[in-house]
Amino acid sequence: EIGSFGAVPAAVITAIVGLLMVSNLRYPSFKGVDFRGRVP
């Protein structure tokens, strides 16, 4: 049961995650991972 008390942090998280999408922060894409190569 979320209610108004739990809805506030949910709204903050939703907005922050949205802003992270338009930020200039660099996230690894993992596109350089060679799935055919050998790993430890």
All heavy atoms as atom14 arrays in JSON, in Angstrom:
{
  "sequence": "EIGSFGAVPAAVITAIVGLLMVSNLRYPSFKGVDFRGRVP",
  "atom14_mask": [
    [1, 1, 1, 1, 1, 1, 1, 1, 1, 0, 0, 0, 0, 0],
    [1, 1, 1, 1, 1, 1, 1, 1, 0, 0, 0, 0, 0, 0],
    [1, 1, 1, 1, 0, 0, 0, 0, 0, 0, 0, 0, 0, 0],
    [1, 1, 1, 1, 1, 1, 0, 0, 0, 0, 0, 0, 0, 0],
    [1, 1, 1, 1, 1, 1, 1, 1, 1, 1, 1, 0, 0, 0],
    [1, 1, 1, 1, 0, 0, 0, 0, 0, 0, 0, 0, 0, 0],
    [1, 1, 1, 1, 1, 0, 0, 0, 0, 0, 0, 0, 0, 0],
    [1, 1, 1, 1, 1, 1, 1, 0, 0, 0, 0, 0, 0, 0],
    [1, 1, 1, 1, 1, 1, 1, 0, 0, 0, 0, 0, 0, 0],
    [1, 1, 1, 1, 1, 0, 0, 0, 0, 0, 0, 0, 0, 0],
    [1, 1, 1, 1, 1, 0, 0, 0, 0, 0, 0, 0, 0, 0],
    [1, 1, 1, 1, 1, 1, 1, 0, 0, 0, 0, 0, 0, 0],
    [1, 1, 1, 1, 1, 1, 1, 1, 0, 0, 0, 0, 0, 0],
    [1, 1, 1, 1, 1, 1, 1, 0, 0, 0, 0, 0, 0, 0],
    [1, 1, 1, 1, 1, 0, 0, 0, 0, 0, 0, 0, 0, 0],
    [1, 1, 1, 1, 1, 1, 1, 1, 0, 0, 0, 0, 0, 0],
    [1, 1, 1, 1, 1, 1, 1, 0, 0, 0, 0, 0, 0, 0],
    [1, 1, 1, 1, 0, 0, 0, 0, 0, 0, 0, 0, 0, 0],
    [1, 1, 1, 1, 1, 1, 1, 1, 0, 0, 0, 0, 0, 0],
    [1, 1, 1, 1, 1, 1, 1, 1, 0, 0, 0, 0, 0, 0],
    [1, 1, 1, 1, 1, 1, 1, 1, 0, 0, 0, 0, 0, 0],
    [1, 1, 1, 1, 1, 1, 1, 0, 0, 0, 0, 0, 0, 0],
    [1, 1, 1, 1, 1, 1, 0, 0, 0, 0, 0, 0, 0, 0],
    [1, 1, 1, 1, 1, 1, 1, 1, 0, 0, 0, 0, 0, 0],
    [1, 1, 1, 1, 1, 1, 1, 1, 0, 0, 0, 0, 0, 0],
    [1, 1, 1, 1, 1, 1, 1, 1, 1, 1, 1, 0, 0, 0],
    [1, 1, 1, 1, 1, 1, 1, 1, 1, 1, 1, 1, 0, 0],
    [1, 1, 1, 1, 1, 1, 1, 0, 0, 0, 0, 0, 0, 0],
    [1, 1, 1, 1, 1, 1, 0, 0, 0, 0, 0, 0, 0, 0],
    [1, 1, 1, 1, 1, 1, 1, 1, 1, 1, 1, 0, 0, 0],
    [1, 1, 1, 1, 1, 1, 1, 1, 1, 0, 0, 0, 0, 0],
    [1, 1, 1, 1, 0, 0, 0, 0, 0, 0, 0, 0, 0, 0],
    [1, 1, 1, 1, 1, 1, 1, 0, 0, 0, 0, 0, 0, 0],
    [1, 1, 1, 1, 1, 1, 1, 1, 0, 0, 0, 0, 0, 0],
    [1, 1, 1, 1, 1, 1, 1, 1, 1, 1, 1, 0, 0, 0],
    [1, 1, 1, 1, 1, 1, 1, 1, 1, 1, 1, 0, 0, 0],
    [1, 1, 1, 1, 0, 0, 0, 0, 0, 0, 0, 0, 0, 0],
    [1, 1, 1, 1, 1, 1, 1, 1, 1, 1, 1, 0, 0, 0],
    [1, 1, 1, 1, 1, 1, 1, 0, 0, 0, 0, 0, 0, 0],
    [1, 1, 1, 1, 1, 1, 1, 0, 0, 0, 0, 0, 0, 0]
  ],
  "atom14_positions": [
    [[0.86, -1.18, 0.0], [0.0, 0.0, 0.0], [0.89, 1.23, 0.0], [1.58, 1.51, 0.98], [-0.92, -0.01, 1.23], [-1.98, -1.08, 1.2], [-3.02, -0.86, 0.12], [-3.2, 0.3, -0.29], [-3.62, -1.85, -0.32], [0.0, 0.0, 0.0], [0.0, 0.0, 0.0], [0.0, 0.0, 0.0], [0.0, 0.0, 0.0], [0.0, 0.0, 0.0]],
    [[0.88, 1.98, -1.08], [1.79, 3.12, -1.22], [1.25, 4.35, -0.49], [1.84, 4.86, 0.44], [2.04, 3.43, -2.7], [2.66, 2.21, -3.39], [2.98, 4.63, -2.82], [3.97, 1.76, -2.79], [0.0, 0.0, 0.0], [0.0, 0.0, 0.0], [0.0, 0.0, 0.0], [0.0, 0.0, 0.0], [0.0, 0.0, 0.0], [0.0, 0.0, 0.0]],
    [[0.1, 4.8, -0.94], [-0.48, 6.0, -0.31], [0.3, 7.26, -0.67], [1.29, 7.22, -1.4], [0.0, 0.0, 0.0], [0.0, 0.0, 0.0], [0.0, 0.0, 0.0], [0.0, 0.0, 0.0], [0.0, 0.0, 0.0], [0.0, 0.0, 0.0], [0.0, 0.0, 0.0], [0.0, 0.0, 0.0], [0.0, 0.0, 0.0], [0.0, 0.0, 0.0]],
    [[-0.12, 8.38, -0.12], [0.53, 9.66, -0.42], [1.94, 9.71, 0.12], [2.83, 10.36, -0.47], [-0.3, 10.81, 0.16], [-1.6, 10.83, -0.39], [0.0, 0.0, 0.0], [0.0, 0.0, 0.0], [0.0, 0.0, 0.0], [0.0, 0.0, 0.0], [0.0, 0.0, 0.0], [0.0, 0.0, 0.0], [0.0, 0.0, 0.0], [0.0, 0.0, 0.0]],
    [[2.19, 9.03, 1.25], [3.53, 9.07, 1.84], [4.55, 8.39, 0.93], [5.65, 8.9, 0.73], [3.51, 8.38, 3.2], [4.84, 8.37, 3.89], [5.33, 9.51, 4.51], [5.62, 7.22, 3.9], [6.57, 9.5, 5.15], [6.86, 7.2, 4.53], [7.33, 8.35, 5.15], [0.0, 0.0, 0.0], [0.0, 0.0, 0.0], [0.0, 0.0, 0.0]],
    [[4.21, 7.27, 0.36], [5.13, 6.57, -0.53], [5.15, 7.16, -1.93], [6.1, 6.95, -2.69], [0.0, 0.0, 0.0], [0.0, 0.0, 0.0], [0.0, 0.0, 0.0], [0.0, 0.0, 0.0], [0.0, 0.0, 0.0], [0.0, 0.0, 0.0], [0.0, 0.0, 0.0], [0.0, 0.0, 0.0], [0.0, 0.0, 0.0], [0.0, 0.0, 0.0]],
    [[4.1, 7.89, -2.31], [4.04, 8.47, -3.65], [5.05, 9.59, -3.84], [5.52, 9.82, -4.95], [2.63, 8.99, -3.93], [0.0, 0.0, 0.0], [0.0, 0.0, 0.0], [0.0, 0.0, 0.0], [0.0, 0.0, 0.0], [0.0, 0.0, 0.0], [0.0, 0.0, 0.0], [0.0, 0.0, 0.0], [0.0, 0.0, 0.0], [0.0, 0.0, 0.0]],
    [[5.41, 10.29, -2.76], [6.36, 11.4, -2.88], [7.74, 10.92, -3.32], [8.29, 11.43, -4.31], [6.44, 12.18, -1.55], [7.55, 13.23, -1.61], [5.1, 12.84, -1.24], [0.0, 0.0, 0.0], [0.0, 0.0, 0.0], [0.0, 0.0, 0.0], [0.0, 0.0, 0.0], [0.0, 0.0, 0.0], [0.0, 0.0, 0.0], [0.0, 0.0, 0.0]],
    [[8.35, 9.95, -2.63], [9.64, 9.46, -3.13], [9.53, 8.82, -4.51], [10.47, 8.88, -5.3], [10.07, 8.44, -2.07], [8.86, 8.1, -1.31], [8.0, 9.31, -1.35], [0.0, 0.0, 0.0], [0.0, 0.0, 0.0], [0.0, 0.0, 0.0], [0.0, 0.0, 0.0], [0.0, 0.0, 0.0], [0.0, 0.0, 0.0], [0.0, 0.0, 0.0]],
    [[8.39, 8.19, -4.82], [8.21, 7.61, -6.16], [8.23, 8.71, -7.22], [8.82, 8.53, -8.3], [6.9, 6.84, -6.23], [0.0, 0.0, 0.0], [0.0, 0.0, 0.0], [0.0, 0.0, 0.0], [0.0, 0.0, 0.0], [0.0, 0.0, 0.0], [0.0, 0.0, 0.0], [0.0, 0.0, 0.0], [0.0, 0.0, 0.0], [0.0, 0.0, 0.0]],
    [[7.61, 9.85, -6.93], [7.62, 10.96, -7.88], [9.02, 11.54, -8.04], [9.45, 11.87, -9.15], [6.64, 12.05, -7.41], [0.0, 0.0, 0.0], [0.0, 0.0, 0.0], [0.0, 0.0, 0.0], [0.0, 0.0, 0.0], [0.0, 0.0, 0.0], [0.0, 0.0, 0.0], [0.0, 0.0, 0.0], [0.0, 0.0, 0.0], [0.0, 0.0, 0.0]],
    [[9.74, 11.66, -6.93], [11.11, 12.2, -6.99], [12.0, 11.28, -7.81], [12.78, 11.73, -8.66], [11.67, 12.39, -5.57], [13.14, 12.78, -5.62], [10.87, 13.44, -4.82], [0.0, 0.0, 0.0], [0.0, 0.0, 0.0], [0.0, 0.0, 0.0], [0.0, 0.0, 0.0], [0.0, 0.0, 0.0], [0.0, 0.0, 0.0], [0.0, 0.0, 0.0]],
    [[11.89, 9.98, -7.57], [12.7, 9.01, -8.32], [12.36, 9.07, -9.8], [13.25, 9.04, -10.66], [12.49, 7.6, -7.76], [13.08, 7.49, -6.35], [13.12, 6.55, -8.67], [12.75, 6.19, -5.65], [0.0, 0.0, 0.0], [0.0, 0.0, 0.0], [0.0, 0.0, 0.0], [0.0, 0.0, 0.0], [0.0, 0.0, 0.0], [0.0, 0.0, 0.0]],
    [[11.07, 9.15, -10.12], [10.65, 9.21, -11.52], [11.24, 10.42, -12.23], [11.76, 10.31, -13.36], [9.12, 9.25, -11.61], [8.57, 8.08, -10.96], [8.66, 9.28, -13.05], [0.0, 0.0, 0.0], [0.0, 0.0, 0.0], [0.0, 0.0, 0.0], [0.0, 0.0, 0.0], [0.0, 0.0, 0.0], [0.0, 0.0, 0.0], [0.0, 0.0, 0.0]],
    [[11.19, 11.57, -11.58], [11.72, 12.79, -12.19], [13.24, 12.72, -12.31], [13.82, 13.12, -13.34], [11.31, 14.01, -11.36], [0.0, 0.0, 0.0], [0.0, 0.0, 0.0], [0.0, 0.0, 0.0], [0.0, 0.0, 0.0], [0.0, 0.0, 0.0], [0.0, 0.0, 0.0], [0.0, 0.0, 0.0], [0.0, 0.0, 0.0], [0.0, 0.0, 0.0]],
    [[13.92, 12.22, -11.29], [15.39, 12.14, -11.32], [15.86, 11.19, -12.42], [16.8, 11.5, -13.17], [15.93, 11.69, -9.95], [15.74, 12.81, -8.92], [17.41, 11.32, -10.05], [16.17, 12.44, -7.52], [0.0, 0.0, 0.0], [0.0, 0.0, 0.0], [0.0, 0.0, 0.0], [0.0, 0.0, 0.0], [0.0, 0.0, 0.0], [0.0, 0.0, 0.0]],
    [[15.21, 10.04, -12.54], [15.58, 9.1, -13.6], [15.37, 9.74, -14.97], [16.18, 9.55, -15.9], [14.76, 7.8, -13.46], [15.0, 6.89, -14.66], [15.14, 7.07, -12.19], [0.0, 0.0, 0.0], [0.0, 0.0, 0.0], [0.0, 0.0, 0.0], [0.0, 0.0, 0.0], [0.0, 0.0, 0.0], [0.0, 0.0, 0.0], [0.0, 0.0, 0.0]],
    [[14.3, 10.51, -15.12], [14.07, 11.21, -16.37], [15.18, 12.21, -16.67], [15.67, 12.29, -17.8], [0.0, 0.0, 0.0], [0.0, 0.0, 0.0], [0.0, 0.0, 0.0], [0.0, 0.0, 0.0], [0.0, 0.0, 0.0], [0.0, 0.0, 0.0], [0.0, 0.0, 0.0], [0.0, 0.0, 0.0], [0.0, 0.0, 0.0], [0.0, 0.0, 0.0]],
    [[15.59, 12.96, -15.66], [16.65, 13.95, -15.86], [18.0, 13.29, -16.15], [18.83, 13.85, -16.88], [16.76, 14.85, -14.62], [15.55, 15.75, -14.35], [15.74, 16.5, -13.04], [15.34, 16.73, -15.5], [0.0, 0.0, 0.0], [0.0, 0.0, 0.0], [0.0, 0.0, 0.0], [0.0, 0.0, 0.0], [0.0, 0.0, 0.0], [0.0, 0.0, 0.0]],
    [[18.23, 12.11, -15.6], [19.47, 11.38, -15.91], [19.54, 11.03, -17.39], [20.64, 10.96, -17.96], [19.56, 10.12, -15.07], [19.93, 10.29, -13.59], [19.89, 8.95, -12.87], [21.31, 10.92, -13.45], [0.0, 0.0, 0.0], [0.0, 0.0, 0.0], [0.0, 0.0, 0.0], [0.0, 0.0, 0.0], [0.0, 0.0, 0.0], [0.0, 0.0, 0.0]],
    [[18.39, 10.81, -18.02], [18.4, 10.48, -19.45], [18.88, 11.64, -20.31], [19.49, 11.43, -21.37], [17.01, 10.04, -19.9], [16.63, 8.64, -19.45], [15.13, 8.02, -20.24], [13.89, 8.91, -19.3], [0.0, 0.0, 0.0], [0.0, 0.0, 0.0], [0.0, 0.0, 0.0], [0.0, 0.0, 0.0], [0.0, 0.0, 0.0], [0.0, 0.0, 0.0]],
    [[18.62, 12.87, -19.91], [19.03, 14.02, -20.72], [20.3, 14.67, -20.18], [20.69, 15.75, -20.62], [17.9, 15.06, -20.79], [16.69, 14.5, -21.53], [17.49, 15.52, -19.38], [0.0, 0.0, 0.0], [0.0, 0.0, 0.0], [0.0, 0.0, 0.0], [0.0, 0.0, 0.0], [0.0, 0.0, 0.0], [0.0, 0.0, 0.0], [0.0, 0.0, 0.0]],
    [[20.94, 14.03, -19.21], [22.19, 14.56, -18.68], [23.33, 14.27, -19.65], [23.17, 13.53, -20.63], [22.49, 13.93, -17.31], [22.8, 12.55, -17.46], [0.0, 0.0, 0.0], [0.0, 0.0, 0.0], [0.0, 0.0, 0.0], [0.0, 0.0, 0.0], [0.0, 0.0, 0.0], [0.0, 0.0, 0.0], [0.0, 0.0, 0.0], [0.0, 0.0, 0.0]],
    [[24.5, 14.83, -19.36], [25.7, 14.57, -20.15], [26.61, 13.53, -19.49], [27.77, 13.38, -19.89], [26.48, 15.87, -20.37], [25.77, 16.79, -21.34], [25.13, 16.35, -22.29], [25.86, 18.09, -21.09], [0.0, 0.0, 0.0], [0.0, 0.0, 0.0], [0.0, 0.0, 0.0], [0.0, 0.0, 0.0], [0.0, 0.0, 0.0], [0.0, 0.0, 0.0]],
    [[26.09, 12.83, -18.49], [26.87, 11.78, -17.83], [27.09, 10.62, -18.79], [26.21, 10.29, -19.6], [26.14, 11.29, -16.58], [25.92, 12.34, -15.48], [25.02, 11.79, -14.39], [27.26, 12.77, -14.89], [0.0, 0.0, 0.0], [0.0, 0.0, 0.0], [0.0, 0.0, 0.0], [0.0, 0.0, 0.0], [0.0, 0.0, 0.0], [0.0, 0.0, 0.0]],
    [[28.25, 10.0, -18.7], [28.62, 8.93, -19.61], [28.41, 7.57, -18.94], [28.97, 7.3, -17.88], [30.09, 9.08, -20.05], [30.3, 10.24, -21.0], [31.77, 10.69, -21.01], [32.65, 9.62, -21.43], [33.02, 9.38, -22.69], [32.55, 10.16, -23.65], [33.85, 8.41, -22.99], [0.0, 0.0, 0.0], [0.0, 0.0, 0.0], [0.0, 0.0, 0.0]],
    [[27.58, 6.75, -19.57], [27.31, 5.4, -19.1], [27.94, 4.39, -20.06], [27.88, 4.58, -21.28], [25.8, 5.15, -19.04], [25.09, 5.84, -17.91], [24.63, 7.16, -18.04], [24.87, 5.19, -16.7], [23.97, 7.79, -17.01], [24.2, 5.83, -15.66], [23.76, 7.12, -15.82], [23.11, 7.76, -14.79], [0.0, 0.0, 0.0], [0.0, 0.0, 0.0]],
    [[28.51, 3.32, -19.56], [29.06, 2.29, -20.45], [27.95, 1.62, -21.24], [26.89, 1.3, -20.69], [29.74, 1.31, -19.49], [29.07, 1.54, -18.16], [28.71, 3.0, -18.13], [0.0, 0.0, 0.0], [0.0, 0.0, 0.0], [0.0, 0.0, 0.0], [0.0, 0.0, 0.0], [0.0, 0.0, 0.0], [0.0, 0.0, 0.0], [0.0, 0.0, 0.0]],
    [[28.17, 1.42, -22.54], [27.16, 0.81, -23.4], [27.34, -0.69, -23.54], [26.43, -1.38, -24.01], [27.22, 1.44, -24.79], [28.47, 1.16, -25.41], [0.0, 0.0, 0.0], [0.0, 0.0, 0.0], [0.0, 0.0, 0.0], [0.0, 0.0, 0.0], [0.0, 0.0, 0.0], [0.0, 0.0, 0.0], [0.0, 0.0, 0.0], [0.0, 0.0, 0.0]],
    [[28.53, -1.2, -23.16], [28.86, -2.62, -23.27], [28.81, -3.13, -24.71], [28.72, -4.34, -24.94], [27.91, -3.47, -22.4], [27.91, -3.08, -20.95], [26.81, -2.45, -20.39], [29.01, -3.33, -20.15], [26.79, -2.09, -19.06], [29.01, -2.97, -18.81], [27.9, -2.35, -18.26], [0.0, 0.0, 0.0], [0.0, 0.0, 0.0], [0.0, 0.0, 0.0]],
    [[28.85, -2.2, -25.68], [28.85, -2.62, -27.08], [30.21, -3.15, -27.52], [30.3, -3.79, -28.56], [28.43, -1.45, -27.97], [26.97, -1.04, -27.81], [26.59, 0.06, -28.77], [25.11, 0.42, -28.62], [24.71, 1.51, -29.56], [0.0, 0.0, 0.0], [0.0, 0.0, 0.0], [0.0, 0.0, 0.0], [0.0, 0.0, 0.0], [0.0, 0.0, 0.0]],
    [[31.24, -2.86, -26.73], [32.57, -3.36, -27.09], [32.88, -4.73, -26.53], [33.98, -5.25, -26.75], [0.0, 0.0, 0.0], [0.0, 0.0, 0.0], [0.0, 0.0, 0.0], [0.0, 0.0, 0.0], [0.0, 0.0, 0.0], [0.0, 0.0, 0.0], [0.0, 0.0, 0.0], [0.0, 0.0, 0.0], [0.0, 0.0, 0.0], [0.0, 0.0, 0.0]],
    [[31.9, -5.33, -25.83], [32.13, -6.65, -25.25], [32.14, -7.7, -26.37], [31.21, -7.76, -27.19], [31.05, -6.99, -24.21], [31.26, -8.4, -23.67], [31.07, -5.97, -23.09], [0.0, 0.0, 0.0], [0.0, 0.0, 0.0], [0.0, 0.0, 0.0], [0.0, 0.0, 0.0], [0.0, 0.0, 0.0], [0.0, 0.0, 0.0], [0.0, 0.0, 0.0]],
    [[33.18, -8.5, -26.41], [33.3, -9.55, -27.41], [32.77, -10.85, -26.82], [33.44, -11.53, -26.04], [34.77, -9.71, -27.84], [34.93, -10.73, -28.95], [33.9, -11.16, -29.52], [36.08, -11.1, -29.26], [0.0, 0.0, 0.0], [0.0, 0.0, 0.0], [0.0, 0.0, 0.0], [0.0, 0.0, 0.0], [0.0, 0.0, 0.0], [0.0, 0.0, 0.0]],
    [[31.54, -11.2, -27.2], [30.91, -12.4, -26.66], [31.5, -13.68, -27.26], [31.25, -14.77, -26.76], [29.4, -12.36, -26.89], [28.69, -11.32, -26.07], [28.38, -10.08, -26.62], [28.35, -11.56, -24.76], [27.73, -9.12, -25.86], [27.7, -10.6, -23.99], [27.4, -9.38, -24.55], [0.0, 0.0, 0.0], [0.0, 0.0, 0.0], [0.0, 0.0, 0.0]],
    [[32.26, -13.55, -28.34], [32.87, -14.72, -28.96], [34.28, -14.98, -28.42], [34.87, -16.02, -28.7], [32.93, -14.54, -30.48], [31.56, -14.48, -31.15], [31.69, -14.17, -32.61], [32.27, -12.85, -32.83], [32.48, -12.32, -34.03], [32.17, -13.02, -35.12], [33.0, -11.13, -34.15], [0.0, 0.0, 0.0], [0.0, 0.0, 0.0], [0.0, 0.0, 0.0]],
    [[34.82, -14.02, -27.67], [36.17, -14.17, -27.15], [36.21, -14.96, -25.85], [35.18, -15.34, -25.28], [0.0, 0.0, 0.0], [0.0, 0.0, 0.0], [0.0, 0.0, 0.0], [0.0, 0.0, 0.0], [0.0, 0.0, 0.0], [0.0, 0.0, 0.0], [0.0, 0.0, 0.0], [0.0, 0.0, 0.0], [0.0, 0.0, 0.0], [0.0, 0.0, 0.0]],
    [[37.42, -15.19, -25.36], [37.61, -15.93, -24.12], [37.61, -14.96, -22.93], [38.06, -13.83, -23.06], [38.94, -16.7, -24.16], [38.94, -17.84, -25.15], [40.29, -18.55, -25.16], [40.29, -19.7, -26.04], [39.94, -20.93, -25.66], [39.59, -21.16, -24.4], [39.94, -21.93, -26.52], [0.0, 0.0, 0.0], [0.0, 0.0, 0.0], [0.0, 0.0, 0.0]],
    [[37.1, -15.43, -21.81], [37.05, -14.63, -20.58], [37.61, -15.48, -19.45], [37.65, -16.72, -19.54], [35.6, -14.19, -20.24], [35.05, -13.27, -21.31], [34.7, -15.42, -20.08], [0.0, 0.0, 0.0], [0.0, 0.0, 0.0], [0.0, 0.0, 0.0], [0.0, 0.0, 0.0], [0.0, 0.0, 0.0], [0.0, 0.0, 0.0], [0.0, 0.0, 0.0]],
    [[38.05, -14.85, -18.36], [38.52, -15.63, -17.2], [37.42, -16.53, -16.66], [36.22, -16.21, -16.75], [38.9, -14.55, -16.18], [39.18, -13.34, -17.01], [38.26, -13.4, -18.18], [0.0, 0.0, 0.0], [0.0, 0.0, 0.0], [0.0, 0.0, 0.0], [0.0, 0.0, 0.0], [0.0, 0.0, 0.0], [0.0, 0.0, 0.0], [0.0, 0.0, 0.0]]
  ]
}
